[in-house]
Amino acid sequence: MERLFPDSGHPYGSSPSPYFSLRDVKLYPAAGHPEGVGAKPWFSVVGDKVYRASGHSDGAGEAPWLTIKGGKLLPDVGNQDGAGSQPWYSIR
């Protein structure tokens, strides 16, 4: 199972604990997430784009929240902070 760890560009900084786990092209909050492990997916992965899912605190979104590039996830146009070049997450 792949997990997402906060990276240098994340608003809370990097962390050794995973924030999300990938299951069935959905991202679920993991043990390191500030709200703890979650049963509802916060994000859906479609190709190299990541969209907010119904379990996200802001609800589902139509614009991509993150883009996957080389094992990193970067903020995209649907992100609260807009698109950016600093990775929010690393896939491990």
N, C-alpha and C. Protein backbone atom coordinates (compact mmCIF):
# COMPACT_ATOMS: atom_id res chain seq x y z
N MET A 1 0.85 -1.18 0.00
CA MET A 1 0.00 0.00 0.00
C MET A 1 0.89 1.24 0.00
N GLU A 2 0.58 2.15 -0.90
CA GLU A 2 1.33 3.40 -0.95
C GLU A 2 0.75 4.38 0.06
N ARG A 3 1.66 5.19 0.61
CA ARG A 3 1.25 6.20 1.59
C ARG A 3 1.82 7.55 1.19
N LEU A 4 1.15 8.61 1.61
CA LEU A 4 1.59 9.98 1.32
C LEU A 4 2.09 10.63 2.61
N PHE A 5 3.30 11.15 2.53
CA PHE A 5 3.92 11.82 3.67
C PHE A 5 4.04 13.31 3.36
N PRO A 6 3.67 14.18 4.30
CA PRO A 6 3.82 15.62 4.07
C PRO A 6 5.27 15.96 3.72
N ASP A 7 5.43 16.82 2.71
CA ASP A 7 6.75 17.22 2.21
C ASP A 7 6.99 18.70 2.51
N SER A 8 8.09 19.22 1.99
CA SER A 8 8.55 20.57 2.32
C SER A 8 7.56 21.69 2.03
N GLY A 9 6.70 21.53 1.01
CA GLY A 9 5.76 22.59 0.67
C GLY A 9 4.44 22.53 1.42
N HIS A 10 4.23 21.48 2.20
CA HIS A 10 2.96 21.33 2.93
C HIS A 10 2.82 22.44 3.96
N PRO A 11 1.61 22.99 4.13
CA PRO A 11 1.42 24.08 5.10
C PRO A 11 1.87 23.74 6.52
N TYR A 12 1.79 22.46 6.92
CA TYR A 12 2.22 22.05 8.26
C TYR A 12 3.66 21.57 8.30
N GLY A 13 4.36 21.62 7.16
CA GLY A 13 5.74 21.15 7.08
C GLY A 13 5.80 19.65 6.84
N SER A 14 7.01 19.14 6.73
CA SER A 14 7.19 17.71 6.47
C SER A 14 6.95 16.91 7.75
N SER A 15 6.69 15.61 7.57
CA SER A 15 6.40 14.75 8.71
C SER A 15 6.86 13.33 8.40
N PRO A 16 7.34 12.60 9.42
CA PRO A 16 7.71 11.20 9.22
C PRO A 16 6.50 10.27 9.25
N SER A 17 5.32 10.80 9.57
CA SER A 17 4.09 9.99 9.66
C SER A 17 3.23 10.21 8.43
N PRO A 18 2.65 9.15 7.88
CA PRO A 18 1.82 9.31 6.68
C PRO A 18 0.50 10.00 6.99
N TYR A 19 0.11 10.90 6.10
CA TYR A 19 -1.17 11.58 6.22
C TYR A 19 -2.27 10.81 5.48
N PHE A 20 -1.90 10.12 4.40
CA PHE A 20 -2.90 9.40 3.60
C PHE A 20 -2.38 8.05 3.15
N SER A 21 -3.32 7.11 2.96
CA SER A 21 -3.04 5.79 2.39
C SER A 21 -3.86 5.64 1.12
N LEU A 22 -3.25 5.03 0.09
CA LEU A 22 -3.93 4.82 -1.18
C LEU A 22 -4.55 3.43 -1.22
N ARG A 23 -5.87 3.40 -1.47
CA ARG A 23 -6.61 2.14 -1.64
C ARG A 23 -7.64 2.36 -2.74
N ASP A 24 -7.62 1.52 -3.75
CA ASP A 24 -8.63 1.58 -4.82
C ASP A 24 -8.75 2.97 -5.44
N VAL A 25 -7.63 3.56 -5.81
CA VAL A 25 -7.50 4.91 -6.40
C VAL A 25 -8.17 6.00 -5.56
N LYS A 26 -8.25 5.78 -4.27
CA LYS A 26 -8.77 6.77 -3.32
C LYS A 26 -7.73 6.97 -2.22
N LEU A 27 -7.68 8.17 -1.68
CA LEU A 27 -6.77 8.49 -0.57
C LEU A 27 -7.57 8.67 0.71
N TYR A 28 -7.21 7.88 1.71
CA TYR A 28 -7.88 7.89 3.00
C TYR A 28 -6.95 8.45 4.07
N PRO A 29 -7.47 9.26 5.02
CA PRO A 29 -6.61 9.75 6.10
C PRO A 29 -5.97 8.58 6.85
N ALA A 30 -4.67 8.71 7.10
CA ALA A 30 -3.89 7.67 7.79
C ALA A 30 -3.56 8.13 9.22
N ALA A 31 -2.80 7.31 9.92
CA ALA A 31 -2.50 7.54 11.34
C ALA A 31 -1.86 8.90 11.61
N GLY A 32 -1.06 9.42 10.70
CA GLY A 32 -0.38 10.69 10.93
C GLY A 32 -1.23 11.92 10.63
N HIS A 33 -2.40 11.72 10.04
CA HIS A 33 -3.27 12.85 9.68
C HIS A 33 -3.76 13.54 10.96
N PRO A 34 -3.83 14.88 10.96
CA PRO A 34 -4.29 15.60 12.16
C PRO A 34 -5.64 15.13 12.70
N GLU A 35 -6.52 14.64 11.83
CA GLU A 35 -7.83 14.16 12.27
C GLU A 35 -7.86 12.65 12.52
N GLY A 36 -6.70 11.99 12.36
CA GLY A 36 -6.61 10.56 12.59
C GLY A 36 -7.06 9.74 11.40
N VAL A 37 -7.07 8.45 11.56
CA VAL A 37 -7.46 7.52 10.51
C VAL A 37 -8.92 7.75 10.14
N GLY A 38 -9.20 7.76 8.83
CA GLY A 38 -10.57 7.98 8.38
C GLY A 38 -11.09 6.86 7.50
N ALA A 39 -12.38 6.61 7.57
CA ALA A 39 -13.02 5.56 6.78
C ALA A 39 -13.53 6.07 5.43
N LYS A 40 -13.67 7.39 5.29
CA LYS A 40 -14.16 7.97 4.04
C LYS A 40 -12.98 8.56 3.27
N PRO A 41 -12.96 8.36 1.93
CA PRO A 41 -11.85 8.92 1.15
C PRO A 41 -11.93 10.44 1.06
N TRP A 42 -10.78 11.06 1.23
CA TRP A 42 -10.69 12.51 1.09
C TRP A 42 -10.38 12.93 -0.34
N PHE A 43 -9.71 12.03 -1.09
CA PHE A 43 -9.31 12.35 -2.45
C PHE A 43 -9.50 11.15 -3.36
N SER A 44 -9.69 11.43 -4.66
CA SER A 44 -9.74 10.42 -5.72
C SER A 44 -8.61 10.71 -6.69
N VAL A 45 -7.94 9.66 -7.15
CA VAL A 45 -6.84 9.80 -8.09
C VAL A 45 -7.35 9.42 -9.48
N VAL A 46 -7.16 10.34 -10.44
CA VAL A 46 -7.55 10.11 -11.83
C VAL A 46 -6.34 10.45 -12.69
N GLY A 47 -5.64 9.42 -13.17
CA GLY A 47 -4.40 9.65 -13.92
C GLY A 47 -3.36 10.29 -13.02
N ASP A 48 -2.85 11.45 -13.43
CA ASP A 48 -1.86 12.16 -12.62
C ASP A 48 -2.47 13.32 -11.82
N LYS A 49 -3.81 13.34 -11.74
CA LYS A 49 -4.52 14.40 -11.00
C LYS A 49 -5.21 13.82 -9.77
N VAL A 50 -5.30 14.64 -8.73
CA VAL A 50 -5.95 14.24 -7.48
C VAL A 50 -7.05 15.25 -7.18
N TYR A 51 -8.27 14.74 -7.00
CA TYR A 51 -9.45 15.58 -6.77
C TYR A 51 -10.02 15.35 -5.37
N ARG A 52 -10.59 16.40 -4.78
CA ARG A 52 -11.27 16.22 -3.50
C ARG A 52 -12.44 15.27 -3.67
N ALA A 53 -12.61 14.35 -2.72
CA ALA A 53 -13.73 13.41 -2.72
C ALA A 53 -14.73 13.85 -1.66
N SER A 54 -15.84 13.15 -1.58
CA SER A 54 -16.92 13.53 -0.66
C SER A 54 -16.51 13.53 0.81
N GLY A 55 -15.50 12.74 1.19
CA GLY A 55 -15.07 12.70 2.57
C GLY A 55 -14.21 13.88 3.01
N HIS A 56 -13.76 14.69 2.05
CA HIS A 56 -12.92 15.86 2.38
C HIS A 56 -13.74 16.87 3.18
N SER A 57 -13.09 17.57 4.08
CA SER A 57 -13.79 18.54 4.93
C SER A 57 -14.47 19.65 4.12
N ASP A 58 -13.98 19.93 2.90
CA ASP A 58 -14.59 20.94 2.03
C ASP A 58 -15.51 20.32 0.99
N GLY A 59 -15.75 19.00 1.07
CA GLY A 59 -16.58 18.31 0.09
C GLY A 59 -15.83 18.00 -1.19
N ALA A 60 -16.52 17.37 -2.12
CA ALA A 60 -15.92 17.00 -3.40
C ALA A 60 -15.62 18.24 -4.23
N GLY A 61 -14.63 18.14 -5.11
CA GLY A 61 -14.26 19.26 -5.96
C GLY A 61 -14.09 18.83 -7.41
N GLU A 62 -14.36 19.76 -8.33
CA GLU A 62 -14.24 19.46 -9.76
C GLU A 62 -12.86 19.79 -10.32
N ALA A 63 -12.17 20.74 -9.73
CA ALA A 63 -10.84 21.12 -10.20
C ALA A 63 -9.79 20.28 -9.46
N PRO A 64 -8.68 19.93 -10.13
CA PRO A 64 -7.66 19.11 -9.46
C PRO A 64 -7.03 19.85 -8.28
N TRP A 65 -6.93 19.15 -7.15
CA TRP A 65 -6.34 19.68 -5.93
C TRP A 65 -4.83 19.52 -5.96
N LEU A 66 -4.38 18.38 -6.51
CA LEU A 66 -2.95 18.07 -6.58
C LEU A 66 -2.63 17.43 -7.93
N THR A 67 -1.36 17.53 -8.34
CA THR A 67 -0.84 16.85 -9.52
C THR A 67 0.32 15.98 -9.09
N ILE A 68 0.37 14.76 -9.62
CA ILE A 68 1.44 13.81 -9.29
C ILE A 68 2.56 13.96 -10.32
N LYS A 69 3.78 14.21 -9.83
CA LYS A 69 4.96 14.34 -10.70
C LYS A 69 6.15 13.69 -10.01
N GLY A 70 6.65 12.60 -10.60
CA GLY A 70 7.87 11.98 -10.11
C GLY A 70 7.83 11.58 -8.64
N GLY A 71 6.74 11.00 -8.18
CA GLY A 71 6.64 10.56 -6.79
C GLY A 71 6.30 11.66 -5.79
N LYS A 72 6.01 12.84 -6.30
CA LYS A 72 5.64 13.98 -5.46
C LYS A 72 4.25 14.46 -5.86
N LEU A 73 3.54 15.07 -4.94
CA LEU A 73 2.24 15.67 -5.23
C LEU A 73 2.34 17.17 -5.01
N LEU A 74 2.05 17.90 -6.07
CA LEU A 74 2.16 19.36 -6.05
C LEU A 74 0.77 19.98 -6.08
N PRO A 75 0.57 21.12 -5.41
CA PRO A 75 -0.73 21.79 -5.44
C PRO A 75 -1.11 22.19 -6.86
N ASP A 76 -2.39 22.03 -7.19
CA ASP A 76 -2.90 22.38 -8.51
C ASP A 76 -3.97 23.47 -8.37
N VAL A 77 -4.63 23.81 -9.46
CA VAL A 77 -5.54 24.96 -9.50
C VAL A 77 -6.71 24.88 -8.53
N GLY A 78 -7.16 23.67 -8.17
CA GLY A 78 -8.28 23.54 -7.24
C GLY A 78 -7.87 23.62 -5.78
N ASN A 79 -6.57 23.70 -5.52
CA ASN A 79 -6.06 23.76 -4.15
C ASN A 79 -6.37 25.11 -3.51
N GLN A 80 -6.61 25.10 -2.23
CA GLN A 80 -6.92 26.34 -1.50
C GLN A 80 -5.84 27.40 -1.65
N ASP A 81 -4.59 26.98 -1.86
CA ASP A 81 -3.48 27.92 -2.02
C ASP A 81 -3.10 28.14 -3.48
N GLY A 82 -3.87 27.55 -4.41
CA GLY A 82 -3.56 27.66 -5.83
C GLY A 82 -2.46 26.70 -6.24
N ALA A 83 -2.13 26.71 -7.52
CA ALA A 83 -1.09 25.83 -8.04
C ALA A 83 0.28 26.28 -7.52
N GLY A 84 1.18 25.32 -7.34
CA GLY A 84 2.51 25.65 -6.83
C GLY A 84 3.55 24.64 -7.26
N SER A 85 4.81 24.98 -7.03
CA SER A 85 5.92 24.12 -7.46
C SER A 85 6.58 23.37 -6.30
N GLN A 86 6.18 23.66 -5.06
CA GLN A 86 6.74 22.97 -3.90
C GLN A 86 5.85 21.77 -3.55
N PRO A 87 6.44 20.58 -3.41
CA PRO A 87 5.61 19.39 -3.14
C PRO A 87 4.95 19.41 -1.77
N TRP A 88 3.69 19.06 -1.76
CA TRP A 88 2.94 18.92 -0.50
C TRP A 88 3.12 17.54 0.07
N TYR A 89 3.25 16.52 -0.81
CA TYR A 89 3.38 15.14 -0.34
C TYR A 89 4.40 14.38 -1.16
N SER A 90 4.99 13.36 -0.53
CA SER A 90 5.86 12.39 -1.20
C SER A 90 5.19 11.03 -1.09
N ILE A 91 5.27 10.26 -2.17
CA ILE A 91 4.71 8.91 -2.18
C ILE A 91 5.81 7.94 -1.72
N ARG A 92 5.50 7.11 -0.73
CA ARG A 92 6.46 6.11 -0.26
C ARG A 92 5.74 4.80 -0.04
